[in-house]
């Protein structure tokens, strides 16, 4: 079973409001960028990546938690982050029963995470050596 099928199966197995919320979060993440990859990590957690990890989601008792790997470095003008605010790296959004997903703001946050990953990747890329100037013979 590939990761997307595993995530389908996970969501289908959550029969209360959390399943619907989880599905909505997933749909929003995937619609933010067509190159996002779904992965299955850490003994059963859906992970979304593009040029590095974007976020991981889990259904807990009473909430759906979406944790952004580098959330502390992302702009959050709509104040979506409401959990893990004390950390130096991660930030999370806890969706509780009755919460509405702010799709526009969540897509913007996902895109900011992609931008962050791409900028980080560029910094790590080794500098390409410049071609040496050809020596000219004196006549």
C-alpha atoms as a PDB file:
ATOM      1  CA  UNK A   1       0.000   0.000   0.000  1.00  0.00           C
ATOM      2  CA  UNK A   2       1.438   3.402  -0.925  1.00  0.00           C
ATOM      3  CA  UNK A   3       1.399   6.360   1.522  1.00  0.00           C
ATOM      4  CA  UNK A   4      -1.669   8.020  -0.036  1.00  0.00           C
ATOM      5  CA  UNK A   5      -3.636   4.780   0.269  1.00  0.00           C
ATOM      6  CA  UNK A   6      -2.552   4.419   3.894  1.00  0.00           C
ATOM      7  CA  UNK A   7      -3.740   7.953   4.608  1.00  0.00           C
ATOM      8  CA  UNK A   8      -7.061   7.163   2.883  1.00  0.00           C
ATOM      9  CA  UNK A   9      -7.392   4.101   5.121  1.00  0.00           C
ATOM     10  CA  UNK A  10      -6.494   6.071   8.255  1.00  0.00           C
ATOM     11  CA  UNK A  11      -9.090   8.757   7.529  1.00  0.00           C
ATOM     12  CA  UNK A  12     -11.757   6.176   6.676  1.00  0.00           C
ATOM     13  CA  UNK A  13     -11.161   4.549  10.060  1.00  0.00           C
ATOM     14  CA  UNK A  14     -11.853   7.772  11.968  1.00  0.00           C
ATOM     15  CA  UNK A  15     -15.640   7.777  11.996  1.00  0.00           C
ATOM     16  CA  UNK A  16     -16.340  10.874  14.089  1.00  0.00           C
ATOM     17  CA  UNK A  17     -15.823  14.593  13.341  1.00  0.00           C
ATOM     18  CA  UNK A  18     -12.035  14.113  13.414  1.00  0.00           C
ATOM     19  CA  UNK A  19     -12.132  12.061  10.199  1.00  0.00           C
ATOM     20  CA  UNK A  20     -13.935  14.832   8.346  1.00  0.00           C
ATOM     21  CA  UNK A  21     -11.563  17.461   9.751  1.00  0.00           C
ATOM     22  CA  UNK A  22      -8.514  15.333   8.911  1.00  0.00           C
ATOM     23  CA  UNK A  23      -9.780  14.901   5.337  1.00  0.00           C
ATOM     24  CA  UNK A  24     -10.358  18.659   5.028  1.00  0.00           C
ATOM     25  CA  UNK A  25      -6.866  19.470   6.299  1.00  0.00           C
ATOM     26  CA  UNK A  26      -5.341  16.969   3.868  1.00  0.00           C
ATOM     27  CA  UNK A  27      -7.323  18.332   0.913  1.00  0.00           C
ATOM     28  CA  UNK A  28      -6.256  21.875   1.758  1.00  0.00           C
ATOM     29  CA  UNK A  29      -2.581  20.929   2.055  1.00  0.00           C
ATOM     30  CA  UNK A  30      -2.575  19.048  -1.247  1.00  0.00           C
ATOM     31  CA  UNK A  31      -4.349  21.886  -3.058  1.00  0.00           C
ATOM     32  CA  UNK A  32      -1.726  24.413  -1.905  1.00  0.00           C
ATOM     33  CA  UNK A  33       0.898  23.049  -4.324  1.00  0.00           C
ATOM     34  CA  UNK A  34       0.730  20.274  -6.931  1.00  0.00           C
ATOM     35  CA  UNK A  35       4.246  19.007  -6.103  1.00  0.00           C
ATOM     36  CA  UNK A  36       3.530  18.124  -2.466  1.00  0.00           C
ATOM     37  CA  UNK A  37       4.352  14.507  -1.677  1.00  0.00           C
ATOM     38  CA  UNK A  38       2.464  12.383   0.833  1.00  0.00           C
ATOM     39  CA  UNK A  39       4.548  10.103   3.028  1.00  0.00           C
ATOM     40  CA  UNK A  40       3.870   7.640   5.836  1.00  0.00           C
ATOM     41  CA  UNK A  41       6.352   7.876   8.717  1.00  0.00           C
ATOM     42  CA  UNK A  42       6.882   7.243  12.391  1.00  0.00           C
ATOM     43  CA  UNK A  43       4.733   4.183  12.809  1.00  0.00           C
ATOM     44  CA  UNK A  44       1.614   5.577  11.206  1.00  0.00           C
ATOM     45  CA  UNK A  45       1.741   9.321  10.740  1.00  0.00           C
ATOM     46  CA  UNK A  46       0.833  11.095   7.511  1.00  0.00           C
ATOM     47  CA  UNK A  47       3.546  13.537   6.450  1.00  0.00           C
ATOM     48  CA  UNK A  48       3.478  16.098   3.644  1.00  0.00           C
ATOM     49  CA  UNK A  49       6.732  17.178   2.030  1.00  0.00           C
ATOM     50  CA  UNK A  50       8.153  19.312  -0.715  1.00  0.00           C
ATOM     51  CA  UNK A  51      11.896  19.983  -0.706  1.00  0.00           C
ATOM     52  CA  UNK A  52      11.764  18.865   2.923  1.00  0.00           C
ATOM     53  CA  UNK A  53       9.083  18.151   5.476  1.00  0.00           C
ATOM     54  CA  UNK A  54       6.143  20.538   5.634  1.00  0.00           C
ATOM     55  CA  UNK A  55       3.870  19.031   8.265  1.00  0.00           C
ATOM     56  CA  UNK A  56       2.699  15.881  10.036  1.00  0.00           C
ATOM     57  CA  UNK A  57      -0.869  15.232  11.170  1.00  0.00           C
ATOM     58  CA  UNK A  58      -2.373  12.998  13.824  1.00  0.00           C
ATOM     59  CA  UNK A  59      -5.835  12.409  15.214  1.00  0.00           C
ATOM     60  CA  UNK A  60      -5.790  12.512  18.996  1.00  0.00           C
ATOM     61  CA  UNK A  61      -8.616  12.155  21.475  1.00  0.00           C
ATOM     62  CA  UNK A  62     -10.560  15.391  21.124  1.00  0.00           C
ATOM     63  CA  UNK A  63      -8.460  17.014  18.359  1.00  0.00           C
ATOM     64  CA  UNK A  64      -6.667  16.770  15.058  1.00  0.00           C
ATOM     65  CA  UNK A  65      -3.101  18.068  15.380  1.00  0.00           C
ATOM     66  CA  UNK A  66      -1.198  19.463  12.400  1.00  0.00           C
ATOM     67  CA  UNK A  67       2.450  20.121  13.274  1.00  0.00           C
ATOM     68  CA  UNK A  68       4.676  22.168  10.978  1.00  0.00           C
ATOM     69  CA  UNK A  69       8.299  21.040  11.070  1.00  0.00           C
ATOM     70  CA  UNK A  70       9.705  24.580  10.910  1.00  0.00           C
ATOM     71  CA  UNK A  71       6.644  26.448  12.101  1.00  0.00           C
ATOM     72  CA  UNK A  72       8.621  28.757  14.395  1.00  0.00           C
ATOM     73  CA  UNK A  73      10.321  30.177  11.286  1.00  0.00           C
ATOM     74  CA  UNK A  74       7.119  30.777   9.320  1.00  0.00           C
ATOM     75  CA  UNK A  75       5.028  33.926   9.124  1.00  0.00           C
ATOM     76  CA  UNK A  76       1.576  33.352  10.631  1.00  0.00           C
ATOM     77  CA  UNK A  77      -0.379  36.564  10.013  1.00  0.00           C
ATOM     78  CA  UNK A  78      -3.715  34.780  10.490  1.00  0.00           C
ATOM     79  CA  UNK A  79      -2.609  33.333  13.860  1.00  0.00           C
ATOM     80  CA  UNK A  80      -3.381  29.713  12.936  1.00  0.00           C
ATOM     81  CA  UNK A  81      -0.746  28.287  15.276  1.00  0.00           C
ATOM     82  CA  UNK A  82      -2.345  27.601  18.635  1.00  0.00           C
ATOM     83  CA  UNK A  83      -0.109  24.845  20.048  1.00  0.00           C
ATOM     84  CA  UNK A  84       3.582  24.249  20.543  1.00  0.00           C
ATOM     85  CA  UNK A  85       4.199  27.988  20.660  1.00  0.00           C
ATOM     86  CA  UNK A  86       7.029  27.648  23.182  1.00  0.00           C
ATOM     87  CA  UNK A  87       9.208  25.524  20.886  1.00  0.00           C
ATOM     88  CA  UNK A  88      12.179  26.821  18.930  1.00  0.00           C
ATOM     89  CA  UNK A  89      11.361  24.890  15.765  1.00  0.00           C
ATOM     90  CA  UNK A  90       7.904  23.346  15.518  1.00  0.00           C
ATOM     91  CA  UNK A  91       4.477  24.939  15.730  1.00  0.00           C
ATOM     92  CA  UNK A  92       1.112  23.216  15.601  1.00  0.00           C
ATOM     93  CA  UNK A  93      -2.532  23.815  14.906  1.00  0.00           C
ATOM     94  CA  UNK A  94      -4.994  21.921  17.083  1.00  0.00           C
ATOM     95  CA  UNK A  95      -8.358  21.564  15.375  1.00  0.00           C
ATOM     96  CA  UNK A  96     -11.106  20.951  17.911  1.00  0.00           C
ATOM     97  CA  UNK A  97     -14.650  19.782  17.308  1.00  0.00           C
ATOM     98  CA  UNK A  98     -16.617  22.523  15.572  1.00  0.00           C
ATOM     99  CA  UNK A  99     -13.534  24.407  14.320  1.00  0.00           C
ATOM    100  CA  UNK A 100     -13.738  25.575  10.744  1.00  0.00           C
ATOM    101  CA  UNK A 101     -10.624  25.221   8.574  1.00  0.00           C
ATOM    102  CA  UNK A 102      -9.443  28.588   7.284  1.00  0.00           C
ATOM    103  CA  UNK A 103      -8.444  27.205   3.890  1.00  0.00           C
ATOM    104  CA  UNK A 104      -6.907  30.403   2.539  1.00  0.00           C
ATOM    105  CA  UNK A 105      -4.723  30.901   5.610  1.00  0.00           C
ATOM    106  CA  UNK A 106      -3.740  27.222   5.807  1.00  0.00           C
ATOM    107  CA  UNK A 107      -2.717  27.168   2.130  1.00  0.00           C
ATOM    108  CA  UNK A 108      -0.638  30.312   2.698  1.00  0.00           C
ATOM    109  CA  UNK A 109       1.058  28.653   5.669  1.00  0.00           C
ATOM    110  CA  UNK A 110       1.819  25.535   3.603  1.00  0.00           C
ATOM    111  CA  UNK A 111       3.263  27.700   0.815  1.00  0.00           C
ATOM    112  CA  UNK A 112       5.390  29.574   3.357  1.00  0.00           C
ATOM    113  CA  UNK A 113       6.716  26.216   4.595  1.00  0.00           C
ATOM    114  CA  UNK A 114       7.624  25.253   1.025  1.00  0.00           C
ATOM    115  CA  UNK A 115       9.377  28.601   0.521  1.00  0.00           C
ATOM    116  CA  UNK A 116      11.278  28.043   3.772  1.00  0.00           C
ATOM    117  CA  UNK A 117      12.348  24.530   2.691  1.00  0.00           C
ATOM    118  CA  UNK A 118      13.501  25.781  -0.702  1.00  0.00           C
ATOM    119  CA  UNK A 119      15.497  28.654   0.798  1.00  0.00           C
ATOM    120  CA  UNK A 120      17.111  26.255   3.291  1.00  0.00           C
ATOM    121  CA  UNK A 121      17.959  23.853   0.479  1.00  0.00           C
ATOM    122  CA  UNK A 122      19.610  26.622  -1.555  1.00  0.00           C
ATOM    123  CA  UNK A 123      21.792  27.592   1.420  1.00  0.00           C
ATOM    124  CA  UNK A 124      22.996  23.996   1.793  1.00  0.00           C
ATOM    125  CA  UNK A 125      23.726  23.524  -1.913  1.00  0.00           C
ATOM    126  CA  UNK A 126      27.469  23.534  -2.549  1.00  0.00           C
ATOM    127  CA  UNK A 127      28.705  26.440  -4.589  1.00  0.00           C
ATOM    128  CA  UNK A 128      29.450  25.452  -8.147  1.00  0.00           C
ATOM    129  CA  UNK A 129      33.050  26.029  -9.105  1.00  0.00           C
ATOM    130  CA  UNK A 130      33.463  28.735 -11.681  1.00  0.00           C
ATOM    131  CA  UNK A 131      35.096  27.643 -14.926  1.00  0.00           C
ATOM    132  CA  UNK A 132      38.714  28.712 -15.125  1.00  0.00           C
ATOM    133  CA  UNK A 133      39.514  31.311 -17.715  1.00  0.00           C
ATOM    134  CA  UNK A 134      41.238  29.821 -20.735  1.00  0.00           C
ATOM    135  CA  UNK A 135      44.889  30.724 -20.988  1.00  0.00           C
ATOM    136  CA  UNK A 136      45.807  32.565 -24.136  1.00  0.00           C
ATOM    137  CA  UNK A 137      49.100  32.037 -25.908  1.00  0.00           C
ATOM    138  CA  UNK A 138      51.189  35.026 -26.682  1.00  0.00           C
ATOM    139  CA  UNK A 139      52.212  35.209 -30.311  1.00  0.00           C
END
